[in-house]
Amino acid sequence: MWRWVVALVVGYLLGSVPVGVLVVRWLRGIDVRQVGSGRTGGTNVLRAAGWGAAVLTGVVDGLKAAVSVLVARWLGGPPLLLALAGVAAVVGHNYSIFLRFRGGAGTMASIGGAAALWPLSGLILIPVLLGVALFTRRASLGSIVGALLLPALFAARAGLGAGPWAYLAHGVLTSALTLWALRPNIRRLLRGEERRIDLEAGRGPQGAL
């Protein structure tokens, strides 16, 4: 039982590290929560501090969840615990204890956890997410497509007998967390009012990542 407690608490605390806040404060001396959507993920960091800061934030946010899964694996946890450790990191990212339970939408953290469970999933998800976001110039749409694709990938893998069904818990739960966080973006998309990524200025839409 102690393995479960340690892995989930470590996962939540790692996920809670407010990378976007720290990166923007370091590079620009401002609080990313006072910019755009107020989220701390890569898209809002893009608006506040540009592409370099956004990429750095996205990578480290993914690593938070990946390390959470690796810690659970190091503790000798079963497949379900590994999956839930990644979910705990996404919960921490979205509802950080260090930010009064505010944060991002969990897209990159979800992908980081998925990649630690099954590396090929990350190689599939990242190009799809970026491709949709850049083609439509709406980062939230890329996040939504990624959130829907993630559980489908794990279900297909398990259905083929190539991986444990327990990993599907990561896909389903992180997908739900991301889609829940993106409710305002979804409403704007349906109304045709969602902000577009300004590729030249390095200013993106309201935080989706």
C-alpha atoms as a PDB file:
ATOM      1  CA  MET A   1       0.000   0.000   0.000  1.00  0.00           C
ATOM      2  CA  TRP A   2       2.833   2.381   0.795  1.00  0.00           C
ATOM      3  CA  ARG A   3       4.013   2.196  -2.828  1.00  0.00           C
ATOM      4  CA  TRP A   4       0.667   3.542  -3.978  1.00  0.00           C
ATOM      5  CA  VAL A   5       0.706   6.411  -1.493  1.00  0.00           C
ATOM      6  CA  VAL A   6       4.299   7.401  -2.284  1.00  0.00           C
ATOM      7  CA  ALA A   7       3.884   7.155  -6.056  1.00  0.00           C
ATOM      8  CA  LEU A   8       0.655   9.160  -6.162  1.00  0.00           C
ATOM      9  CA  VAL A   9       1.857  11.853  -3.766  1.00  0.00           C
ATOM     10  CA  VAL A  10       5.167  12.212  -5.615  1.00  0.00           C
ATOM     11  CA  GLY A  11       3.305  12.350  -8.911  1.00  0.00           C
ATOM     12  CA  TYR A  12       0.972  15.069  -7.700  1.00  0.00           C
ATOM     13  CA  LEU A  13       3.778  17.161  -6.202  1.00  0.00           C
ATOM     14  CA  LEU A  14       5.941  16.856  -9.321  1.00  0.00           C
ATOM     15  CA  GLY A  15       2.984  17.828 -11.469  1.00  0.00           C
ATOM     16  CA  SER A  16       2.300  20.791  -9.213  1.00  0.00           C
ATOM     17  CA  VAL A  17       5.664  22.415  -9.939  1.00  0.00           C
ATOM     18  CA  PRO A  18       4.565  25.593 -11.809  1.00  0.00           C
ATOM     19  CA  VAL A  19       7.056  25.437 -14.654  1.00  0.00           C
ATOM     20  CA  GLY A  20       5.310  28.043 -16.791  1.00  0.00           C
ATOM     21  CA  VAL A  21       5.212  30.535 -13.926  1.00  0.00           C
ATOM     22  CA  LEU A  22       8.912  30.030 -13.194  1.00  0.00           C
ATOM     23  CA  VAL A  23      10.012  30.216 -16.843  1.00  0.00           C
ATOM     24  CA  VAL A  24       8.094  33.399 -17.642  1.00  0.00           C
ATOM     25  CA  ARG A  25       9.171  35.063 -14.411  1.00  0.00           C
ATOM     26  CA  TRP A  26      12.799  34.143 -15.170  1.00  0.00           C
ATOM     27  CA  LEU A  27      12.719  35.332 -18.789  1.00  0.00           C
ATOM     28  CA  ARG A  28      10.317  38.253 -18.646  1.00  0.00           C
ATOM     29  CA  GLY A  29       9.928  39.148 -14.976  1.00  0.00           C
ATOM     30  CA  ILE A  30       6.129  38.887 -15.158  1.00  0.00           C
ATOM     31  CA  ASP A  31       3.467  36.518 -13.830  1.00  0.00           C
ATOM     32  CA  VAL A  32       2.020  34.387 -16.648  1.00  0.00           C
ATOM     33  CA  ARG A  33      -1.181  34.103 -14.625  1.00  0.00           C
ATOM     34  CA  GLN A  34      -1.776  37.777 -15.343  1.00  0.00           C
ATOM     35  CA  VAL A  35      -1.575  37.211 -19.103  1.00  0.00           C
ATOM     36  CA  GLY A  36      -4.250  35.889 -21.461  1.00  0.00           C
ATOM     37  CA  SER A  37      -6.170  32.965 -20.018  1.00  0.00           C
ATOM     38  CA  GLY A  38      -4.153  32.915 -16.797  1.00  0.00           C
ATOM     39  CA  ARG A  39      -3.145  29.304 -17.375  1.00  0.00           C
ATOM     40  CA  THR A  40       0.417  28.159 -16.783  1.00  0.00           C
ATOM     41  CA  GLY A  41       0.895  25.803 -19.743  1.00  0.00           C
ATOM     42  CA  GLY A  42       2.790  26.202 -22.980  1.00  0.00           C
ATOM     43  CA  THR A  43       0.179  28.133 -24.972  1.00  0.00           C
ATOM     44  CA  ASN A  44      -0.211  30.916 -22.456  1.00  0.00           C
ATOM     45  CA  VAL A  45       3.554  30.994 -21.952  1.00  0.00           C
ATOM     46  CA  LEU A  46       3.823  31.499 -25.724  1.00  0.00           C
ATOM     47  CA  ARG A  47       1.664  34.581 -25.455  1.00  0.00           C
ATOM     48  CA  ALA A  48       3.629  35.919 -22.501  1.00  0.00           C
ATOM     49  CA  ALA A  49       7.229  35.126 -23.454  1.00  0.00           C
ATOM     50  CA  GLY A  50       7.483  33.661 -26.977  1.00  0.00           C
ATOM     51  CA  TRP A  51       8.286  30.362 -28.615  1.00  0.00           C
ATOM     52  CA  GLY A  52      11.466  29.491 -26.734  1.00  0.00           C
ATOM     53  CA  ALA A  53       9.768  29.818 -23.374  1.00  0.00           C
ATOM     54  CA  ALA A  54       6.748  27.870 -24.612  1.00  0.00           C
ATOM     55  CA  VAL A  55       8.857  24.959 -25.886  1.00  0.00           C
ATOM     56  CA  LEU A  56      10.878  24.842 -22.663  1.00  0.00           C
ATOM     57  CA  THR A  57       7.698  24.853 -20.597  1.00  0.00           C
ATOM     58  CA  GLY A  58       6.072  22.128 -22.678  1.00  0.00           C
ATOM     59  CA  VAL A  59       9.108  19.857 -22.488  1.00  0.00           C
ATOM     60  CA  VAL A  60       9.492  20.195 -18.729  1.00  0.00           C
ATOM     61  CA  ASP A  61       5.758  19.790 -18.152  1.00  0.00           C
ATOM     62  CA  GLY A  62       5.968  16.511 -20.066  1.00  0.00           C
ATOM     63  CA  LEU A  63       8.988  15.431 -18.056  1.00  0.00           C
ATOM     64  CA  LYS A  64       7.134  15.997 -14.781  1.00  0.00           C
ATOM     65  CA  ALA A  65       4.627  13.306 -15.653  1.00  0.00           C
ATOM     66  CA  ALA A  66       7.212  11.021 -17.244  1.00  0.00           C
ATOM     67  CA  VAL A  67       9.333  11.094 -14.089  1.00  0.00           C
ATOM     68  CA  SER A  68       6.215  10.396 -12.011  1.00  0.00           C
ATOM     69  CA  VAL A  69       5.613   7.211 -14.001  1.00  0.00           C
ATOM     70  CA  LEU A  70       9.280   6.229 -13.727  1.00  0.00           C
ATOM     71  CA  VAL A  71       9.198   6.686  -9.946  1.00  0.00           C
ATOM     72  CA  ALA A  72       6.178   4.373  -9.731  1.00  0.00           C
ATOM     73  CA  ARG A  73       8.017   1.839 -11.897  1.00  0.00           C
ATOM     74  CA  TRP A  74      11.142   2.117  -9.736  1.00  0.00           C
ATOM     75  CA  LEU A  75       8.990   1.436  -6.660  1.00  0.00           C
ATOM     76  CA  GLY A  76       7.850  -1.801  -8.293  1.00  0.00           C
ATOM     77  CA  GLY A  77       4.267  -0.721  -8.793  1.00  0.00           C
ATOM     78  CA  PRO A  78       1.822  -2.667 -10.975  1.00  0.00           C
ATOM     79  CA  PRO A  79       0.694  -1.298 -14.367  1.00  0.00           C
ATOM     80  CA  LEU A  80      -2.349   0.439 -12.861  1.00  0.00           C
ATOM     81  CA  LEU A  81      -0.179   2.366 -10.407  1.00  0.00           C
ATOM     82  CA  LEU A  82       2.124   3.467 -13.205  1.00  0.00           C
ATOM     83  CA  ALA A  83      -0.874   4.742 -15.139  1.00  0.00           C
ATOM     84  CA  LEU A  84      -2.324   6.546 -12.128  1.00  0.00           C
ATOM     85  CA  ALA A  85       1.030   8.114 -11.237  1.00  0.00           C
ATOM     86  CA  GLY A  86       0.912   9.860 -14.607  1.00  0.00           C
ATOM     87  CA  VAL A  87      -2.661  10.932 -13.921  1.00  0.00           C
ATOM     88  CA  ALA A  88      -1.606  12.315 -10.532  1.00  0.00           C
ATOM     89  CA  ALA A  89       0.991  14.475 -12.272  1.00  0.00           C
ATOM     90  CA  VAL A  90      -1.670  15.874 -14.605  1.00  0.00           C
ATOM     91  CA  VAL A  91      -3.931  16.602 -11.632  1.00  0.00           C
ATOM     92  CA  GLY A  92      -1.026  18.440 -10.012  1.00  0.00           C
ATOM     93  CA  HIS A  93      -0.341  20.386 -13.204  1.00  0.00           C
ATOM     94  CA  ASN A  94      -3.972  21.449 -13.563  1.00  0.00           C
ATOM     95  CA  TYR A  95      -4.609  22.017  -9.849  1.00  0.00           C
ATOM     96  CA  SER A  96      -1.243  22.921  -8.362  1.00  0.00           C
ATOM     97  CA  ILE A  97      -0.971  23.045  -4.603  1.00  0.00           C
ATOM     98  CA  PHE A  98       1.586  25.833  -5.083  1.00  0.00           C
ATOM     99  CA  LEU A  99      -0.847  28.016  -7.074  1.00  0.00           C
ATOM    100  CA  ARG A 100      -3.986  27.680  -4.960  1.00  0.00           C
ATOM    101  CA  PHE A 101      -5.125  24.791  -7.158  1.00  0.00           C
ATOM    102  CA  ARG A 102      -4.802  26.607 -10.464  1.00  0.00           C
ATOM    103  CA  GLY A 103      -2.599  25.575 -13.384  1.00  0.00           C
ATOM    104  CA  GLY A 104      -2.809  24.509 -16.999  1.00  0.00           C
ATOM    105  CA  ALA A 105      -4.922  22.106 -19.031  1.00  0.00           C
ATOM    106  CA  GLY A 106      -2.545  19.147 -18.836  1.00  0.00           C
ATOM    107  CA  THR A 107      -1.898  18.443 -22.515  1.00  0.00           C
ATOM    108  CA  MET A 108       1.881  18.095 -22.415  1.00  0.00           C
ATOM    109  CA  ALA A 109       1.837  16.448 -18.992  1.00  0.00           C
ATOM    110  CA  SER A 110      -0.605  13.854 -20.339  1.00  0.00           C
ATOM    111  CA  ILE A 111       1.653  13.143 -23.305  1.00  0.00           C
ATOM    112  CA  GLY A 112       4.733  12.932 -21.078  1.00  0.00           C
ATOM    113  CA  GLY A 113       3.075  10.354 -18.857  1.00  0.00           C
ATOM    114  CA  ALA A 114       1.841   8.420 -21.886  1.00  0.00           C
ATOM    115  CA  ALA A 115       5.324   8.404 -23.418  1.00  0.00           C
ATOM    116  CA  ALA A 116       6.796   6.975 -20.211  1.00  0.00           C
ATOM    117  CA  LEU A 117       4.217   4.189 -20.313  1.00  0.00           C
ATOM    118  CA  TRP A 118       4.615   3.575 -24.053  1.00  0.00           C
ATOM    119  CA  PRO A 119       7.220   5.669 -25.934  1.00  0.00           C
ATOM    120  CA  LEU A 120       5.545   5.216 -29.320  1.00  0.00           C
ATOM    121  CA  SER A 121       2.464   7.022 -28.055  1.00  0.00           C
ATOM    122  CA  GLY A 122       4.487  10.195 -27.600  1.00  0.00           C
ATOM    123  CA  LEU A 123       5.962   9.874 -31.086  1.00  0.00           C
ATOM    124  CA  ILE A 124       2.424   9.696 -32.456  1.00  0.00           C
ATOM    125  CA  LEU A 125       0.726  12.287 -30.269  1.00  0.00           C
ATOM    126  CA  ILE A 126       3.210  15.148 -30.489  1.00  0.00           C
ATOM    127  CA  PRO A 127       3.265  15.410 -34.314  1.00  0.00           C
ATOM    128  CA  VAL A 128      -0.525  15.086 -34.453  1.00  0.00           C
ATOM    129  CA  LEU A 129      -1.079  17.730 -31.795  1.00  0.00           C
ATOM    130  CA  LEU A 130       1.389  20.172 -33.354  1.00  0.00           C
ATOM    131  CA  GLY A 131       0.154  19.465 -36.853  1.00  0.00           C
ATOM    132  CA  VAL A 132      -3.476  20.185 -35.972  1.00  0.00           C
ATOM    133  CA  ALA A 133      -2.565  23.262 -33.930  1.00  0.00           C
ATOM    134  CA  LEU A 134      -0.346  24.789 -36.620  1.00  0.00           C
ATOM    135  CA  PHE A 135      -2.587  23.842 -39.556  1.00  0.00           C
ATOM    136  CA  THR A 136      -5.705  25.300 -37.928  1.00  0.00           C
ATOM    137  CA  ARG A 137      -3.710  27.893 -35.964  1.00  0.00           C
ATOM    138  CA  ARG A 138      -5.740  26.984 -32.904  1.00  0.00           C
ATOM    139  CA  ALA A 139      -3.739  25.346 -30.133  1.00  0.00           C
ATOM    140  CA  SER A 140      -6.846  24.316 -28.234  1.00  0.00           C
ATOM    141  CA  LEU A 141      -8.012  22.223 -31.190  1.00  0.00           C
ATOM    142  CA  GLY A 142      -4.682  20.389 -31.203  1.00  0.00           C
ATOM    143  CA  SER A 143      -5.070  19.718 -27.494  1.00  0.00           C
ATOM    144  CA  ILE A 144      -8.601  18.404 -27.961  1.00  0.00           C
ATOM    145  CA  VAL A 145      -7.563  16.057 -30.776  1.00  0.00           C
ATOM    146  CA  GLY A 146      -4.626  14.839 -28.686  1.00  0.00           C
ATOM    147  CA  ALA A 147      -6.872  14.247 -25.669  1.00  0.00           C
ATOM    148  CA  LEU A 148      -9.279  12.154 -27.757  1.00  0.00           C
ATOM    149  CA  LEU A 149      -6.517  10.218 -29.504  1.00  0.00           C
ATOM    150  CA  LEU A 150      -4.583   9.285 -26.361  1.00  0.00           C
ATOM    151  CA  PRO A 151      -7.073   6.757 -24.895  1.00  0.00           C
ATOM    152  CA  ALA A 152      -7.758   5.380 -28.372  1.00  0.00           C
ATOM    153  CA  LEU A 153      -4.066   4.550 -28.777  1.00  0.00           C
ATOM    154  CA  PHE A 154      -3.864   2.695 -25.479  1.00  0.00           C
ATOM    155  CA  ALA A 155      -7.118   0.858 -26.186  1.00  0.00           C
ATOM    156  CA  ALA A 156      -5.853  -0.232 -29.607  1.00  0.00           C
ATOM    157  CA  ARG A 157      -2.546  -1.409 -28.143  1.00  0.00           C
ATOM    158  CA  ALA A 158      -4.235  -3.378 -25.376  1.00  0.00           C
ATOM    159  CA  GLY A 159      -6.756  -4.821 -27.827  1.00  0.00           C
ATOM    160  CA  LEU A 160      -3.891  -6.165 -29.918  1.00  0.00           C
ATOM    161  CA  GLY A 161      -2.392  -7.791 -26.834  1.00  0.00           C
ATOM    162  CA  ALA A 162       0.675  -5.562 -26.983  1.00  0.00           C
ATOM    163  CA  GLY A 163       0.174  -3.784 -23.671  1.00  0.00           C
ATOM    164  CA  PRO A 164      -1.805  -3.886 -20.410  1.00  0.00           C
ATOM    165  CA  TRP A 165      -5.390  -2.667 -20.301  1.00  0.00           C
ATOM    166  CA  ALA A 166      -4.481  -0.855 -17.066  1.00  0.00           C
ATOM    167  CA  TYR A 167      -2.653   1.796 -19.073  1.00  0.00           C
ATOM    168  CA  LEU A 168      -5.989   2.810 -20.562  1.00  0.00           C
ATOM    169  CA  ALA A 169      -6.726   4.443 -17.194  1.00  0.00           C
ATOM    170  CA  HIS A 170      -4.074   7.025 -17.981  1.00  0.00           C
ATOM    171  CA  GLY A 171      -5.576   7.738 -21.377  1.00  0.00           C
ATOM    172  CA  VAL A 172      -9.176   8.008 -20.217  1.00  0.00           C
ATOM    173  CA  LEU A 173      -8.564  10.019 -17.051  1.00  0.00           C
ATOM    174  CA  THR A 174      -6.055  12.487 -18.514  1.00  0.00           C
ATOM    175  CA  SER A 175      -8.312  12.968 -21.527  1.00  0.00           C
ATOM    176  CA  ALA A 176     -11.175  13.835 -19.193  1.00  0.00           C
ATOM    177  CA  LEU A 177      -8.997  16.254 -17.212  1.00  0.00           C
ATOM    178  CA  THR A 178      -7.850  18.062 -20.352  1.00  0.00           C
ATOM    179  CA  LEU A 179     -11.295  18.298 -21.924  1.00  0.00           C
ATOM    180  CA  TRP A 180     -12.737  19.562 -18.637  1.00  0.00           C
ATOM    181  CA  ALA A 181     -10.083  22.273 -18.439  1.00  0.00           C
ATOM    182  CA  LEU A 182     -10.720  23.239 -22.065  1.00  0.00           C
ATOM    183  CA  ARG A 183     -14.446  23.850 -21.639  1.00  0.00           C
ATOM    184  CA  PRO A 184     -14.109  27.609 -22.324  1.00  0.00           C
ATOM    185  CA  ASN A 185     -12.001  26.922 -25.416  1.00  0.00           C
ATOM    186  CA  ILE A 186     -14.542  24.402 -26.712  1.00  0.00           C
ATOM    187  CA  ARG A 187     -17.339  26.937 -26.310  1.00  0.00           C
ATOM    188  CA  ARG A 188     -15.316  29.543 -28.218  1.00  0.00           C
ATOM    189  CA  LEU A 189     -14.527  27.024 -30.957  1.00  0.00           C
ATOM    190  CA  LEU A 190     -18.218  26.251 -31.366  1.00  0.00           C
ATOM    191  CA  ARG A 191     -18.963  29.967 -31.641  1.00  0.00           C
ATOM    192  CA  GLY A 192     -16.063  30.525 -34.048  1.00  0.00           C
ATOM    193  CA  GLU A 193     -14.435  32.905 -31.593  1.00  0.00           C
ATOM    194  CA  GLU A 194     -11.313  30.970 -30.536  1.00  0.00           C
ATOM    195  CA  ARG A 195      -8.068  32.926 -30.825  1.00  0.00           C
ATOM    196  CA  ARG A 196      -5.595  31.940 -33.525  1.00  0.00           C
ATOM    197  CA  ILE A 197      -1.850  31.417 -33.144  1.00  0.00           C
ATOM    198  CA  ASP A 198       0.103  34.378 -34.462  1.00  0.00           C
ATOM    199  CA  LEU A 199       3.119  32.558 -35.882  1.00  0.00           C
ATOM    200  CA  GLU A 200       5.101  35.676 -36.728  1.00  0.00           C
ATOM    201  CA  ALA A 201       4.650  37.460 -33.459  1.00  0.00           C
ATOM    202  CA  GLY A 202       4.948  34.335 -31.329  1.00  0.00           C
ATOM    203  CA  ARG A 203       1.651  35.064 -29.647  1.00  0.00           C
ATOM    204  CA  GLY A 204      -0.813  32.200 -29.293  1.00  0.00           C
ATOM    205  CA  PRO A 205      -4.409  31.630 -28.274  1.00  0.00           C
ATOM    206  CA  GLN A 206      -5.745  31.540 -24.786  1.00  0.00           C
ATOM    207  CA  GLY A 207      -3.964  28.809 -22.905  1.00  0.00           C
ATOM    208  CA  ALA A 208      -4.777  25.343 -24.112  1.00  0.00           C
ATOM    209  CA  LEU A 209      -1.644  23.442 -23.202  1.00  0.00           C
END
